[in-house]
């Protein structure tokens, strides 16, 4: 019985750590969304796609995703097309929020 209780305590601790990790990610995501205010979005929406892509390639993926998600879909797609494929995929996953959900689902199994 004590062994089962110990395993249960360990599992609870693991789940609590994952909950804290998810809460931290949500906090960072909210901060990134705040960063992408309307003025910044307006600037990027007027840039040429290759110039915008160069800027997005130099910034962190959360920040890039936060701005791109506020652009119209056609403009965002054109910019993503100019970014290196692997990085563009990570940014797109960040835009969709897929990165964390997949990690959380994998850790719960």
Foldseek 3Di string as FASTA:
>chain_A
DVVVVVVVVVVVVVVVVLVVVVVVVVVVLVVLLVVQDPVNLVVLLPDDLLVSLVVCQPDDLSNSLSSLLPHPPVSSVSNLVNHDVVSSVVSVCSNVVNPSVVVVVVVVD
